[in-house]
Amino acid sequence: METLKLSAPLTTREPVVLLDPRLPPGRYRVELVVASATGRSEVAVLFINVKE
């Protein structure tokens, strides 16, 4: 399983990713694009809130 890190693109075939445990508390914006042989999806935006 891949780990999502700040300001780093992530490419994976798995539908689940881990969040970097060293992320400081705050609100993070993640953009998801699904790519396949037939093209790319619209961008989906997800906000993640990390609490202490």
N, C-alpha and C. Protein backbone atom coordinates (compact mmCIF):
# COMPACT_ATOMS: atom_id res chain seq x y z
N MET A 1 0.84 -1.17 0.00
CA MET A 1 0.00 0.00 0.00
C MET A 1 0.89 1.24 0.00
N GLU A 2 0.52 2.22 -0.79
CA GLU A 2 1.30 3.45 -0.91
C GLU A 2 0.93 4.44 0.20
N THR A 3 1.85 5.36 0.51
CA THR A 3 1.62 6.38 1.54
C THR A 3 1.52 7.75 0.91
N LEU A 4 0.45 8.47 1.23
CA LEU A 4 0.22 9.82 0.73
C LEU A 4 1.08 10.80 1.52
N LYS A 5 1.90 11.59 0.81
CA LYS A 5 2.80 12.55 1.45
C LYS A 5 2.52 13.95 0.92
N LEU A 6 2.90 14.96 1.67
CA LEU A 6 2.68 16.35 1.27
C LEU A 6 3.39 16.69 -0.04
N SER A 7 2.69 17.38 -0.91
CA SER A 7 3.25 17.91 -2.17
C SER A 7 3.96 16.86 -3.01
N ALA A 8 3.49 15.63 -2.96
CA ALA A 8 4.10 14.56 -3.74
C ALA A 8 3.02 13.81 -4.51
N PRO A 9 3.15 13.75 -5.84
CA PRO A 9 2.16 12.97 -6.59
C PRO A 9 2.26 11.49 -6.23
N LEU A 10 1.16 10.80 -6.34
CA LEU A 10 1.11 9.39 -5.97
C LEU A 10 0.40 8.61 -7.08
N THR A 11 1.03 7.57 -7.55
CA THR A 11 0.42 6.69 -8.54
C THR A 11 0.33 5.30 -7.95
N THR A 12 -0.86 4.74 -7.97
CA THR A 12 -1.06 3.41 -7.41
C THR A 12 -2.21 2.71 -8.12
N ARG A 13 -2.19 1.40 -8.12
CA ARG A 13 -3.29 0.62 -8.68
C ARG A 13 -4.28 0.20 -7.59
N GLU A 14 -3.89 0.39 -6.33
CA GLU A 14 -4.73 -0.01 -5.21
C GLU A 14 -5.74 1.09 -4.88
N PRO A 15 -6.95 0.73 -4.44
CA PRO A 15 -7.98 1.73 -4.13
C PRO A 15 -7.83 2.35 -2.74
N VAL A 16 -6.77 1.99 -2.00
CA VAL A 16 -6.57 2.49 -0.63
C VAL A 16 -5.15 3.01 -0.51
N VAL A 17 -4.99 4.16 0.17
CA VAL A 17 -3.65 4.70 0.45
C VAL A 17 -3.57 5.02 1.95
N LEU A 18 -2.37 5.05 2.47
CA LEU A 18 -2.13 5.43 3.86
C LEU A 18 -1.79 6.90 3.92
N LEU A 19 -2.05 7.53 5.03
CA LEU A 19 -1.69 8.92 5.25
C LEU A 19 -0.38 8.96 6.01
N ASP A 20 0.56 9.78 5.59
CA ASP A 20 1.85 9.90 6.26
C ASP A 20 1.63 10.24 7.73
N PRO A 21 2.06 9.40 8.66
CA PRO A 21 1.81 9.64 10.08
C PRO A 21 2.56 10.85 10.64
N ARG A 22 3.49 11.40 9.89
CA ARG A 22 4.24 12.58 10.36
C ARG A 22 3.58 13.89 9.98
N LEU A 23 2.41 13.84 9.32
CA LEU A 23 1.73 15.09 8.95
C LEU A 23 1.34 15.86 10.20
N PRO A 24 1.67 17.15 10.24
CA PRO A 24 1.26 17.95 11.38
C PRO A 24 -0.26 18.19 11.32
N PRO A 25 -0.86 18.52 12.47
CA PRO A 25 -2.28 18.81 12.48
C PRO A 25 -2.61 19.93 11.49
N GLY A 26 -3.75 19.83 10.86
CA GLY A 26 -4.19 20.84 9.90
C GLY A 26 -5.16 20.25 8.91
N ARG A 27 -5.57 21.09 7.96
CA ARG A 27 -6.49 20.67 6.91
C ARG A 27 -5.71 20.54 5.61
N TYR A 28 -5.89 19.43 4.93
CA TYR A 28 -5.16 19.15 3.69
C TYR A 28 -6.13 18.89 2.55
N ARG A 29 -5.78 19.41 1.39
CA ARG A 29 -6.58 19.23 0.18
C ARG A 29 -5.89 18.20 -0.70
N VAL A 30 -6.65 17.18 -1.11
CA VAL A 30 -6.13 16.11 -1.96
C VAL A 30 -6.95 16.09 -3.23
N GLU A 31 -6.29 15.99 -4.38
CA GLU A 31 -6.99 15.86 -5.65
C GLU A 31 -6.79 14.45 -6.18
N LEU A 32 -7.88 13.83 -6.58
CA LEU A 32 -7.85 12.47 -7.09
C LEU A 32 -8.25 12.45 -8.56
N VAL A 33 -7.42 11.81 -9.38
CA VAL A 33 -7.73 11.61 -10.79
C VAL A 33 -7.52 10.13 -11.09
N VAL A 34 -8.54 9.52 -11.66
CA VAL A 34 -8.44 8.12 -12.04
C VAL A 34 -8.10 8.06 -13.52
N ALA A 35 -7.02 7.34 -13.84
CA ALA A 35 -6.58 7.19 -15.23
C ALA A 35 -6.73 5.74 -15.65
N SER A 36 -7.23 5.55 -16.86
CA SER A 36 -7.37 4.19 -17.40
C SER A 36 -7.01 4.22 -18.88
N ALA A 37 -7.11 3.09 -19.51
CA ALA A 37 -6.79 3.00 -20.94
C ALA A 37 -7.74 3.87 -21.78
N THR A 38 -8.92 4.18 -21.24
CA THR A 38 -9.89 4.97 -21.99
C THR A 38 -9.83 6.46 -21.68
N GLY A 39 -8.96 6.87 -20.78
CA GLY A 39 -8.81 8.29 -20.48
C GLY A 39 -8.69 8.57 -19.00
N ARG A 40 -8.95 9.84 -18.64
CA ARG A 40 -8.81 10.30 -17.25
C ARG A 40 -10.15 10.83 -16.77
N SER A 41 -10.40 10.66 -15.47
CA SER A 41 -11.63 11.17 -14.87
C SER A 41 -11.51 12.66 -14.59
N GLU A 42 -12.62 13.25 -14.22
CA GLU A 42 -12.60 14.61 -13.70
C GLU A 42 -11.88 14.58 -12.36
N VAL A 43 -11.36 15.71 -11.94
CA VAL A 43 -10.67 15.79 -10.66
C VAL A 43 -11.69 15.75 -9.53
N ALA A 44 -11.48 14.87 -8.58
CA ALA A 44 -12.29 14.82 -7.35
C ALA A 44 -11.45 15.42 -6.24
N VAL A 45 -12.03 16.31 -5.45
CA VAL A 45 -11.30 16.99 -4.38
C VAL A 45 -11.76 16.44 -3.04
N LEU A 46 -10.80 16.14 -2.18
CA LEU A 46 -11.06 15.59 -0.86
C LEU A 46 -10.29 16.44 0.16
N PHE A 47 -10.94 16.78 1.26
CA PHE A 47 -10.26 17.50 2.34
C PHE A 47 -10.06 16.54 3.50
N ILE A 48 -8.86 16.52 4.04
CA ILE A 48 -8.52 15.66 5.18
C ILE A 48 -8.14 16.54 6.35
N ASN A 49 -8.79 16.33 7.49
CA ASN A 49 -8.47 17.06 8.72
C ASN A 49 -7.66 16.18 9.63
N VAL A 50 -6.43 16.60 9.95
CA VAL A 50 -5.57 15.85 10.86
C VAL A 50 -5.62 16.56 12.21
N LYS A 51 -5.99 15.80 13.23
CA LYS A 51 -6.06 16.35 14.58
C LYS A 51 -4.96 15.76 15.45
N GLU A 52 -4.60 16.45 16.51
CA GLU A 52 -3.58 15.95 17.44
C GLU A 52 -4.07 14.74 18.17
